[in-house]
Amino acid sequence: MNITLRPDLEKRVIEKVKQGDAPNADSFVEQALKFYLDYDADEMDEEDVREAREAIDEARQQSLSGEAVSAEDFFAEFRAKHGIPR
């Protein structure tokens, strides 16, 4: 199967591969599609929704109080901790 992406989406996929999020474009698109197909919002129960809202509220409070870490710093630390190259 061959799929053609819009130029803006193709550019974003290429950037993600360059950032090390996937070894190549095929792998990235496959991962994204699998996530999309496996995700079913209807399967979320009230407890999942409550936990998600609590986590979001906690993150907002941390951000407002200056406790938050930038995504860039978080992922750099995560990659270093787990030996994942960029």
N, C-alpha and C. Protein backbone atom coordinates (compact mmCIF):
# COMPACT_ATOMS: atom_id res chain seq x y z
N MET A 1 0.85 -1.17 0.00
CA MET A 1 0.00 0.00 0.00
C MET A 1 0.89 1.24 0.00
N ASN A 2 0.59 2.16 -0.84
CA ASN A 2 1.29 3.43 -0.88
C ASN A 2 0.32 4.53 -0.49
N ILE A 3 0.77 5.43 0.34
CA ILE A 3 -0.08 6.53 0.80
C ILE A 3 0.66 7.83 0.54
N THR A 4 -0.07 8.82 0.06
CA THR A 4 0.51 10.13 -0.18
C THR A 4 0.02 11.09 0.90
N LEU A 5 0.96 11.75 1.54
CA LEU A 5 0.62 12.72 2.58
C LEU A 5 0.65 14.13 2.00
N ARG A 6 -0.14 15.00 2.59
CA ARG A 6 -0.05 16.41 2.22
C ARG A 6 1.35 16.88 2.58
N PRO A 7 1.89 17.86 1.86
CA PRO A 7 3.25 18.33 2.12
C PRO A 7 3.48 18.77 3.56
N ASP A 8 2.50 19.42 4.19
CA ASP A 8 2.69 19.86 5.57
C ASP A 8 2.80 18.69 6.54
N LEU A 9 2.03 17.62 6.29
CA LEU A 9 2.12 16.44 7.14
C LEU A 9 3.43 15.69 6.89
N GLU A 10 3.83 15.62 5.64
CA GLU A 10 5.09 14.96 5.32
C GLU A 10 6.25 15.67 6.02
N LYS A 11 6.22 16.98 6.02
CA LYS A 11 7.27 17.76 6.68
C LYS A 11 7.30 17.45 8.18
N ARG A 12 6.13 17.35 8.80
CA ARG A 12 6.07 17.06 10.24
C ARG A 12 6.59 15.66 10.54
N VAL A 13 6.28 14.69 9.69
CA VAL A 13 6.79 13.33 9.88
C VAL A 13 8.31 13.32 9.77
N ILE A 14 8.83 14.00 8.78
CA ILE A 14 10.29 14.07 8.60
C ILE A 14 10.95 14.69 9.82
N GLU A 15 10.35 15.74 10.36
CA GLU A 15 10.90 16.37 11.57
C GLU A 15 10.92 15.40 12.75
N LYS A 16 9.84 14.64 12.90
CA LYS A 16 9.76 13.67 14.00
C LYS A 16 10.84 12.60 13.86
N VAL A 17 11.10 12.17 12.64
CA VAL A 17 12.16 11.18 12.41
C VAL A 17 13.51 11.79 12.73
N LYS A 18 13.73 13.04 12.30
CA LYS A 18 14.99 13.72 12.60
C LYS A 18 15.20 13.89 14.10
N GLN A 19 14.11 14.08 14.84
CA GLN A 19 14.19 14.24 16.30
C GLN A 19 14.42 12.92 17.00
N GLY A 20 14.34 11.82 16.27
CA GLY A 20 14.57 10.52 16.87
C GLY A 20 13.33 9.84 17.42
N ASP A 21 12.15 10.36 17.08
CA ASP A 21 10.92 9.75 17.57
C ASP A 21 10.60 8.42 16.90
N ALA A 22 11.24 8.16 15.77
CA ALA A 22 11.06 6.90 15.04
C ALA A 22 12.28 6.72 14.14
N PRO A 23 12.61 5.47 13.80
CA PRO A 23 13.79 5.24 12.97
C PRO A 23 13.62 5.70 11.52
N ASN A 24 12.37 5.72 11.04
CA ASN A 24 12.11 6.16 9.67
C ASN A 24 10.65 6.58 9.55
N ALA A 25 10.30 7.15 8.41
CA ALA A 25 8.95 7.67 8.21
C ALA A 25 7.91 6.55 8.23
N ASP A 26 8.22 5.42 7.61
CA ASP A 26 7.26 4.31 7.61
C ASP A 26 6.92 3.87 9.03
N SER A 27 7.94 3.75 9.85
CA SER A 27 7.74 3.34 11.23
C SER A 27 6.91 4.36 11.99
N PHE A 28 7.20 5.63 11.79
CA PHE A 28 6.45 6.68 12.49
C PHE A 28 4.97 6.64 12.10
N VAL A 29 4.70 6.57 10.82
CA VAL A 29 3.30 6.56 10.36
C VAL A 29 2.60 5.29 10.85
N GLU A 30 3.31 4.17 10.86
CA GLU A 30 2.72 2.93 11.36
C GLU A 30 2.36 3.06 12.84
N GLN A 31 3.28 3.63 13.63
CA GLN A 31 3.00 3.82 15.06
C GLN A 31 1.81 4.74 15.27
N ALA A 32 1.77 5.83 14.53
CA ALA A 32 0.68 6.79 14.67
C ALA A 32 -0.66 6.16 14.28
N LEU A 33 -0.66 5.40 13.21
CA LEU A 33 -1.89 4.77 12.76
C LEU A 33 -2.35 3.70 13.75
N LYS A 34 -1.42 2.92 14.26
CA LYS A 34 -1.76 1.90 15.27
C LYS A 34 -2.38 2.56 16.49
N PHE A 35 -1.76 3.65 16.96
CA PHE A 35 -2.31 4.36 18.11
C PHE A 35 -3.73 4.83 17.81
N TYR A 36 -3.92 5.42 16.65
CA TYR A 36 -5.23 5.93 16.28
C TYR A 36 -6.28 4.81 16.22
N LEU A 37 -5.90 3.70 15.60
CA LEU A 37 -6.86 2.60 15.44
C LEU A 37 -7.15 1.88 16.76
N ASP A 38 -6.14 1.83 17.65
CA ASP A 38 -6.33 1.15 18.93
C ASP A 38 -7.06 2.00 19.95
N TYR A 39 -7.02 3.31 19.78
CA TYR A 39 -7.63 4.21 20.74
C TYR A 39 -9.15 4.21 20.55
N ASP A 40 -9.84 4.02 21.62
CA ASP A 40 -11.30 4.05 21.56
C ASP A 40 -11.80 4.83 22.76
N ALA A 41 -12.18 6.07 22.53
CA ALA A 41 -12.62 6.94 23.63
C ALA A 41 -13.82 6.36 24.36
N ASP A 42 -14.61 5.54 23.69
CA ASP A 42 -15.78 4.96 24.33
C ASP A 42 -15.39 3.98 25.43
N GLU A 43 -14.14 3.46 25.37
CA GLU A 43 -13.70 2.51 26.38
C GLU A 43 -13.31 3.19 27.68
N MET A 44 -13.14 4.50 27.65
CA MET A 44 -12.77 5.21 28.88
C MET A 44 -13.96 5.23 29.83
N ASP A 45 -13.73 4.77 31.05
CA ASP A 45 -14.80 4.82 32.02
C ASP A 45 -14.68 6.10 32.84
N GLU A 46 -15.62 6.31 33.72
CA GLU A 46 -15.63 7.54 34.52
C GLU A 46 -14.37 7.68 35.36
N GLU A 47 -13.83 6.57 35.85
CA GLU A 47 -12.62 6.61 36.66
C GLU A 47 -11.43 7.10 35.83
N ASP A 48 -11.32 6.64 34.58
CA ASP A 48 -10.24 7.09 33.69
C ASP A 48 -10.35 8.59 33.44
N VAL A 49 -11.55 9.05 33.20
CA VAL A 49 -11.77 10.47 32.93
C VAL A 49 -11.43 11.30 34.18
N ARG A 50 -11.86 10.83 35.35
CA ARG A 50 -11.56 11.54 36.60
C ARG A 50 -10.06 11.62 36.82
N GLU A 51 -9.36 10.50 36.64
CA GLU A 51 -7.91 10.48 36.83
C GLU A 51 -7.20 11.42 35.85
N ALA A 52 -7.66 11.43 34.61
CA ALA A 52 -7.07 12.31 33.61
C ALA A 52 -7.27 13.78 33.99
N ARG A 53 -8.48 14.11 34.44
CA ARG A 53 -8.76 15.49 34.84
C ARG A 53 -7.92 15.91 36.05
N GLU A 54 -7.75 14.99 37.00
CA GLU A 54 -6.92 15.29 38.17
C GLU A 54 -5.46 15.52 37.76
N ALA A 55 -4.97 14.70 36.84
CA ALA A 55 -3.58 14.86 36.38
C ALA A 55 -3.40 16.18 35.65
N ILE A 56 -4.38 16.56 34.86
CA ILE A 56 -4.32 17.85 34.15
C ILE A 56 -4.36 19.00 35.14
N ASP A 57 -5.24 18.92 36.12
CA ASP A 57 -5.32 19.97 37.14
C ASP A 57 -4.01 20.10 37.91
N GLU A 58 -3.41 18.96 38.27
CA GLU A 58 -2.14 18.98 38.99
C GLU A 58 -1.04 19.61 38.13
N ALA A 59 -1.01 19.26 36.86
CA ALA A 59 -0.01 19.83 35.96
C ALA A 59 -0.19 21.34 35.82
N ARG A 60 -1.43 21.79 35.74
CA ARG A 60 -1.69 23.23 35.66
C ARG A 60 -1.18 23.95 36.90
N GLN A 61 -1.46 23.37 38.07
CA GLN A 61 -1.00 23.98 39.32
C GLN A 61 0.52 24.03 39.37
N GLN A 62 1.17 22.96 38.95
CA GLN A 62 2.63 22.94 38.94
C GLN A 62 3.18 24.01 38.00
N SER A 63 2.53 24.16 36.88
CA SER A 63 2.97 25.17 35.91
C SER A 63 2.82 26.57 36.49
N LEU A 64 1.68 26.82 37.12
CA LEU A 64 1.43 28.15 37.69
C LEU A 64 2.38 28.48 38.84
N SER A 65 2.81 27.43 39.58
CA SER A 65 3.69 27.67 40.72
C SER A 65 5.17 27.58 40.35
N GLY A 66 5.45 27.40 39.07
CA GLY A 66 6.84 27.36 38.63
C GLY A 66 7.52 26.01 38.81
N GLU A 67 6.77 24.98 39.15
CA GLU A 67 7.34 23.65 39.35
C GLU A 67 7.51 22.87 38.05
N ALA A 68 6.88 23.32 37.01
CA ALA A 68 6.87 22.56 35.76
C ALA A 68 8.24 22.57 35.09
N VAL A 69 8.49 21.54 34.32
CA VAL A 69 9.72 21.41 33.53
C VAL A 69 9.31 21.49 32.07
N SER A 70 10.12 22.14 31.26
CA SER A 70 9.78 22.23 29.84
C SER A 70 9.80 20.84 29.21
N ALA A 71 9.01 20.67 28.18
CA ALA A 71 8.97 19.37 27.49
C ALA A 71 10.35 19.03 26.95
N GLU A 72 11.05 20.01 26.46
CA GLU A 72 12.39 19.77 25.91
C GLU A 72 13.32 19.22 27.00
N ASP A 73 13.30 19.82 28.18
CA ASP A 73 14.14 19.35 29.29
C ASP A 73 13.70 17.95 29.75
N PHE A 74 12.39 17.75 29.83
CA PHE A 74 11.88 16.44 30.25
C PHE A 74 12.35 15.33 29.32
N PHE A 75 12.17 15.55 28.01
CA PHE A 75 12.54 14.50 27.05
C PHE A 75 14.05 14.30 26.98
N ALA A 76 14.82 15.36 27.16
CA ALA A 76 16.27 15.22 27.19
C ALA A 76 16.68 14.35 28.37
N GLU A 77 16.10 14.60 29.53
CA GLU A 77 16.39 13.81 30.73
C GLU A 77 15.92 12.37 30.55
N PHE A 78 14.74 12.20 29.98
CA PHE A 78 14.17 10.87 29.76
C PHE A 78 15.06 10.06 28.82
N ARG A 79 15.49 10.68 27.71
CA ARG A 79 16.36 9.99 26.77
C ARG A 79 17.68 9.61 27.42
N ALA A 80 18.25 10.53 28.20
CA ALA A 80 19.52 10.24 28.87
C ALA A 80 19.36 9.09 29.87
N LYS A 81 18.28 9.13 30.63
CA LYS A 81 18.03 8.11 31.65
C LYS A 81 17.88 6.73 31.03
N HIS A 82 17.25 6.65 29.86
CA HIS A 82 16.96 5.37 29.24
C HIS A 82 17.89 5.04 28.08
N GLY A 83 18.91 5.87 27.87
CA GLY A 83 19.88 5.60 26.81
C GLY A 83 19.30 5.67 25.41
N ILE A 84 18.36 6.57 25.23
CA ILE A 84 17.72 6.73 23.92
C ILE A 84 18.41 7.87 23.18
N PRO A 85 18.98 7.58 22.01
CA PRO A 85 19.63 8.66 21.26
C PRO A 85 18.60 9.61 20.67
N ARG A 86 19.01 10.81 20.45
CA ARG A 86 18.10 11.80 19.87
C ARG A 86 17.96 11.58 18.41
